[in-house]
Amino acid sequence: MLSDLNISVHLFEIHITMLLANTFLGMIGGPQIILIIAVVLLLFGGRKIPELMRGLGSGIKEFKNATKEEEEKAQVEESSSKKS
């Protein structure tokens, strides 16, 4: 009987853990975005954020350029292999 009770308690704990995980790891909504923005403002301050965004933007731009170059190289190699 004690074993059945322990199994029931363990299953209940698993159920609660899964509910909490679903709640906190679910879709990001408005309140979560506001919380993230508030934390970023507290950590970096208002003056540092534009600098961070510029760096992020230039990083994304470099990444896009690199992927375009790789795609062009792959197309050139593919077309040269078809001609051979």
Protein backbone atom coordinates (compact mmCIF):
# COMPACT_ATOMS: atom_id res chain seq x y z
CA MET A 1 0.00 0.00 0.00
CA LEU A 2 2.85 2.36 0.80
CA SER A 3 4.43 1.53 -2.55
CA ASP A 4 1.23 2.50 -4.38
CA LEU A 5 1.16 5.80 -2.50
CA ASN A 6 4.79 6.53 -3.43
CA ILE A 7 4.04 5.81 -7.10
CA SER A 8 0.99 8.09 -7.01
CA VAL A 9 2.98 10.89 -5.41
CA HIS A 10 5.77 10.45 -7.94
CA LEU A 11 3.32 10.56 -10.86
CA PHE A 12 1.73 13.68 -9.39
CA GLU A 13 5.16 15.33 -9.11
CA ILE A 14 5.90 14.48 -12.75
CA HIS A 15 2.54 15.91 -13.81
CA ILE A 16 3.14 19.17 -11.91
CA THR A 17 6.67 19.44 -13.33
CA MET A 18 5.41 19.01 -16.88
CA LEU A 19 2.69 21.62 -16.34
CA LEU A 20 5.27 24.10 -15.02
CA ALA A 21 7.64 23.37 -17.90
CA ASN A 22 4.84 23.89 -20.40
CA THR A 23 3.90 27.16 -18.71
CA PHE A 24 7.40 28.61 -18.65
CA LEU A 25 8.75 27.12 -21.88
CA GLY A 26 5.65 27.68 -23.98
CA MET A 27 5.07 30.36 -26.57
CA ILE A 28 6.59 33.77 -25.90
CA GLY A 29 3.84 36.33 -25.55
CA GLY A 30 3.53 40.01 -24.70
CA PRO A 31 4.30 39.78 -20.98
CA GLN A 32 7.43 37.70 -21.62
CA ILE A 33 8.70 40.18 -24.21
CA ILE A 34 8.10 43.09 -21.83
CA LEU A 35 9.99 41.24 -19.10
CA ILE A 36 12.91 40.53 -21.44
CA ILE A 37 13.07 44.19 -22.50
CA ALA A 38 13.00 45.34 -18.87
CA VAL A 39 15.84 42.98 -17.97
CA VAL A 40 17.92 44.17 -20.94
CA LEU A 41 17.34 47.80 -19.95
CA LEU A 42 18.38 47.07 -16.39
CA LEU A 43 21.51 45.19 -17.44
CA PHE A 44 22.79 47.50 -20.18
CA GLY A 45 21.11 50.85 -19.61
CA GLY A 46 19.50 53.09 -22.22
CA ARG A 47 22.75 54.47 -23.64
CA LYS A 48 24.35 51.13 -24.41
CA ILE A 49 21.38 49.56 -26.26
CA PRO A 50 21.74 51.50 -29.58
CA GLU A 51 25.39 50.44 -29.67
CA LEU A 52 24.41 46.82 -29.11
CA MET A 53 21.75 46.99 -31.83
CA ARG A 54 24.24 48.47 -34.32
CA GLY A 55 26.62 45.63 -33.60
CA LEU A 56 23.83 43.08 -33.96
CA GLY A 57 22.70 44.64 -37.25
CA SER A 58 26.20 44.63 -38.71
CA GLY A 59 26.68 41.02 -37.61
CA ILE A 60 23.46 39.98 -39.34
CA LYS A 61 24.48 41.89 -42.48
CA GLU A 62 27.87 40.15 -42.56
CA PHE A 63 26.19 36.78 -42.08
CA LYS A 64 23.80 37.42 -44.99
CA ASN A 65 26.67 38.52 -47.23
CA ALA A 66 28.67 35.42 -46.35
CA THR A 67 25.73 33.12 -47.10
CA LYS A 68 25.13 34.88 -50.44
CA GLU A 69 28.79 34.43 -51.36
CA GLU A 70 28.67 30.74 -50.48
CA GLU A 71 25.49 30.24 -52.52
CA GLU A 72 27.07 31.99 -55.50
CA LYS A 73 30.20 29.82 -55.20
CA ALA A 74 28.05 26.70 -55.05
CA GLN A 75 26.10 27.79 -58.15
CA VAL A 76 29.31 28.52 -60.06
CA GLU A 77 30.76 25.13 -59.09
CA GLU A 78 27.53 23.41 -60.03
CA SER A 79 27.33 25.10 -63.42
CA SER A 80 31.01 24.38 -64.16
CA SER A 81 30.55 20.71 -63.24
CA LYS A 82 27.53 20.46 -65.57
CA LYS A 83 29.55 21.92 -68.47
CA SER A 84 32.35 19.39 -68.00
